[in-house]
């Protein structure tokens, strides 16, 4: 590897280790200052604080790629909405020839209307009950 690239990787590793150490200590200090006094919970150590941070990330944050992934998806969705029907059809044909298919077999960039997919209609005389639409209604 080139010296610059090696220093860059070493700098990133050092930054990650420093961040983990910093967030773990901040969590430990805040927990030990607040939680035992307010809720009578036990004092935790550094490793328990890191476990707590990981648990909260899994439960509340997930591992989905962050805001950049959402921005890219929104940009692609907007591009799809700006296409005319001929461009969309051409794109679908080209997309189908690719070796990789979109997840769950859905067409890319299309917004599914989940509320209308399983739409139930109210029929008079059924006392407010909903029923599935008949095949002739579809």
Protein backbone atom coordinates (compact mmCIF):
# COMPACT_ATOMS: atom_id res chain seq x y z
CA UNK A 1 0.00 0.00 0.00
CA UNK A 2 0.99 3.58 -0.45
CA UNK A 3 2.15 5.49 2.64
CA UNK A 4 -0.71 8.01 2.41
CA UNK A 5 -3.33 5.28 2.25
CA UNK A 6 -1.75 3.45 5.20
CA UNK A 7 -1.79 6.65 7.28
CA UNK A 8 -5.39 7.32 6.28
CA UNK A 9 -6.50 3.83 7.34
CA UNK A 10 -4.53 4.11 10.60
CA UNK A 11 -6.14 7.50 11.25
CA UNK A 12 -9.64 6.11 10.67
CA UNK A 13 -8.96 3.14 12.98
CA UNK A 14 -7.61 5.50 15.65
CA UNK A 15 -10.67 7.76 15.26
CA UNK A 16 -13.06 4.79 15.61
CA UNK A 17 -11.26 3.52 18.74
CA UNK A 18 -11.27 7.02 20.25
CA UNK A 19 -15.00 7.41 19.46
CA UNK A 20 -15.86 4.07 21.05
CA UNK A 21 -13.82 4.96 24.14
CA UNK A 22 -15.40 8.44 24.36
CA UNK A 23 -19.02 7.29 23.92
CA UNK A 24 -18.53 4.40 26.32
CA UNK A 25 -17.14 6.69 29.01
CA UNK A 26 -19.84 9.32 28.49
CA UNK A 27 -22.53 6.63 28.78
CA UNK A 28 -20.88 5.21 31.91
CA UNK A 29 -20.62 8.64 33.54
CA UNK A 30 -24.19 9.66 32.69
CA UNK A 31 -25.65 6.32 33.79
CA UNK A 32 -23.75 6.28 37.08
CA UNK A 33 -24.61 9.92 37.81
CA UNK A 34 -28.33 9.68 37.04
CA UNK A 35 -29.80 6.19 37.03
CA UNK A 36 -28.81 4.99 40.55
CA UNK A 37 -30.15 8.21 42.08
CA UNK A 38 -33.37 8.47 40.07
CA UNK A 39 -34.38 4.83 39.59
CA UNK A 40 -32.22 3.02 42.18
CA UNK A 41 -30.50 0.99 39.43
CA UNK A 42 -27.00 -0.47 39.86
CA UNK A 43 -23.81 1.28 38.78
CA UNK A 44 -22.37 -0.02 35.49
CA UNK A 45 -18.82 -0.33 34.19
CA UNK A 46 -17.35 0.65 30.81
CA UNK A 47 -18.06 -2.70 29.10
CA UNK A 48 -21.67 -2.71 30.27
CA UNK A 49 -22.04 0.82 28.89
CA UNK A 50 -20.73 -0.34 25.51
CA UNK A 51 -23.20 -3.22 25.60
CA UNK A 52 -25.97 -0.78 26.43
CA UNK A 53 -24.97 1.43 23.48
CA UNK A 54 -24.97 -1.56 21.15
CA UNK A 55 -28.35 -2.71 22.43
CA UNK A 56 -29.91 0.71 21.90
CA UNK A 57 -28.44 0.86 18.40
CA UNK A 58 -29.99 -2.51 17.56
CA UNK A 59 -33.36 -1.72 19.11
CA UNK A 60 -33.81 1.88 18.03
CA UNK A 61 -31.38 2.61 15.23
CA UNK A 62 -30.97 -0.54 13.21
CA UNK A 63 -28.18 -1.10 10.71
CA UNK A 64 -29.77 0.14 7.52
CA UNK A 65 -27.15 2.42 6.05
CA UNK A 66 -28.06 5.74 7.63
CA UNK A 67 -29.31 8.93 6.01
CA UNK A 68 -27.21 8.61 2.85
CA UNK A 69 -29.13 5.51 1.81
CA UNK A 70 -32.45 7.28 2.35
CA UNK A 71 -31.30 10.30 0.33
CA UNK A 72 -30.23 8.07 -2.56
CA UNK A 73 -33.51 6.16 -2.45
CA UNK A 74 -35.50 9.42 -2.44
CA UNK A 75 -33.47 10.73 -5.37
CA UNK A 76 -34.11 7.57 -7.37
CA UNK A 77 -37.81 7.61 -6.50
CA UNK A 78 -38.05 11.23 -7.69
CA UNK A 79 -36.30 10.29 -10.95
CA UNK A 80 -38.81 7.45 -11.40
CA UNK A 81 -41.73 9.81 -10.82
CA UNK A 82 -40.35 12.24 -13.42
CA UNK A 83 -40.19 9.56 -16.14
CA UNK A 84 -42.95 9.36 -18.72
CA UNK A 85 -44.66 5.97 -19.29
CA UNK A 86 -42.42 5.10 -22.27
CA UNK A 87 -39.26 5.77 -20.26
CA UNK A 88 -40.60 3.70 -17.36
CA UNK A 89 -41.40 0.78 -19.65
CA UNK A 90 -37.93 0.95 -21.22
CA UNK A 91 -36.35 1.05 -17.77
CA UNK A 92 -38.39 -1.95 -16.59
CA UNK A 93 -37.28 -3.96 -19.62
CA UNK A 94 -33.63 -3.05 -19.09
CA UNK A 95 -33.94 -3.75 -15.35
CA UNK A 96 -35.38 -7.18 -16.04
CA UNK A 97 -32.34 -8.12 -18.12
CA UNK A 98 -29.97 -7.44 -15.22
CA UNK A 99 -28.63 -10.44 -13.30
CA UNK A 100 -29.81 -9.03 -9.94
CA UNK A 101 -33.50 -8.66 -9.19
CA UNK A 102 -34.97 -6.20 -6.69
CA UNK A 103 -35.92 -7.49 -3.26
CA UNK A 104 -39.16 -9.45 -2.92
CA UNK A 105 -39.76 -9.31 -6.65
CA UNK A 106 -41.10 -5.76 -6.52
CA UNK A 107 -40.49 -3.37 -9.37
CA UNK A 108 -37.90 -0.73 -8.47
CA UNK A 109 -38.95 2.76 -7.42
CA UNK A 110 -42.68 2.05 -7.57
CA UNK A 111 -44.62 3.13 -4.57
CA UNK A 112 -47.03 0.44 -3.63
CA UNK A 113 -50.37 1.57 -2.38
CA UNK A 114 -50.67 -0.83 0.53
CA UNK A 115 -54.00 0.60 1.60
CA UNK A 116 -55.70 -0.13 -1.71
CA UNK A 117 -54.13 -3.55 -2.24
CA UNK A 118 -56.39 -5.16 0.32
CA UNK A 119 -59.19 -2.65 0.09
CA UNK A 120 -62.46 -3.68 1.55
CA UNK A 121 -65.65 -2.01 0.58
CA UNK A 122 -68.69 -1.33 2.66
CA UNK A 123 -71.86 -2.94 1.39
CA UNK A 124 -75.19 -1.48 2.43
CA UNK A 125 -77.30 -3.63 4.66
CA UNK A 126 -74.38 -5.38 6.35
CA UNK A 127 -74.69 -3.42 9.59
CA UNK A 128 -71.37 -1.62 9.18
CA UNK A 129 -69.37 -4.79 8.56
CA UNK A 130 -66.74 -4.88 5.86
CA UNK A 131 -66.39 -7.65 3.34
CA UNK A 132 -63.82 -8.61 0.75
CA UNK A 133 -64.53 -7.32 -2.75
CA UNK A 134 -65.95 -9.89 -5.09
CA UNK A 135 -63.93 -11.03 -8.11
CA UNK A 136 -66.44 -9.36 -10.45
CA UNK A 137 -65.74 -6.02 -8.70
CA UNK A 138 -62.02 -6.23 -9.52
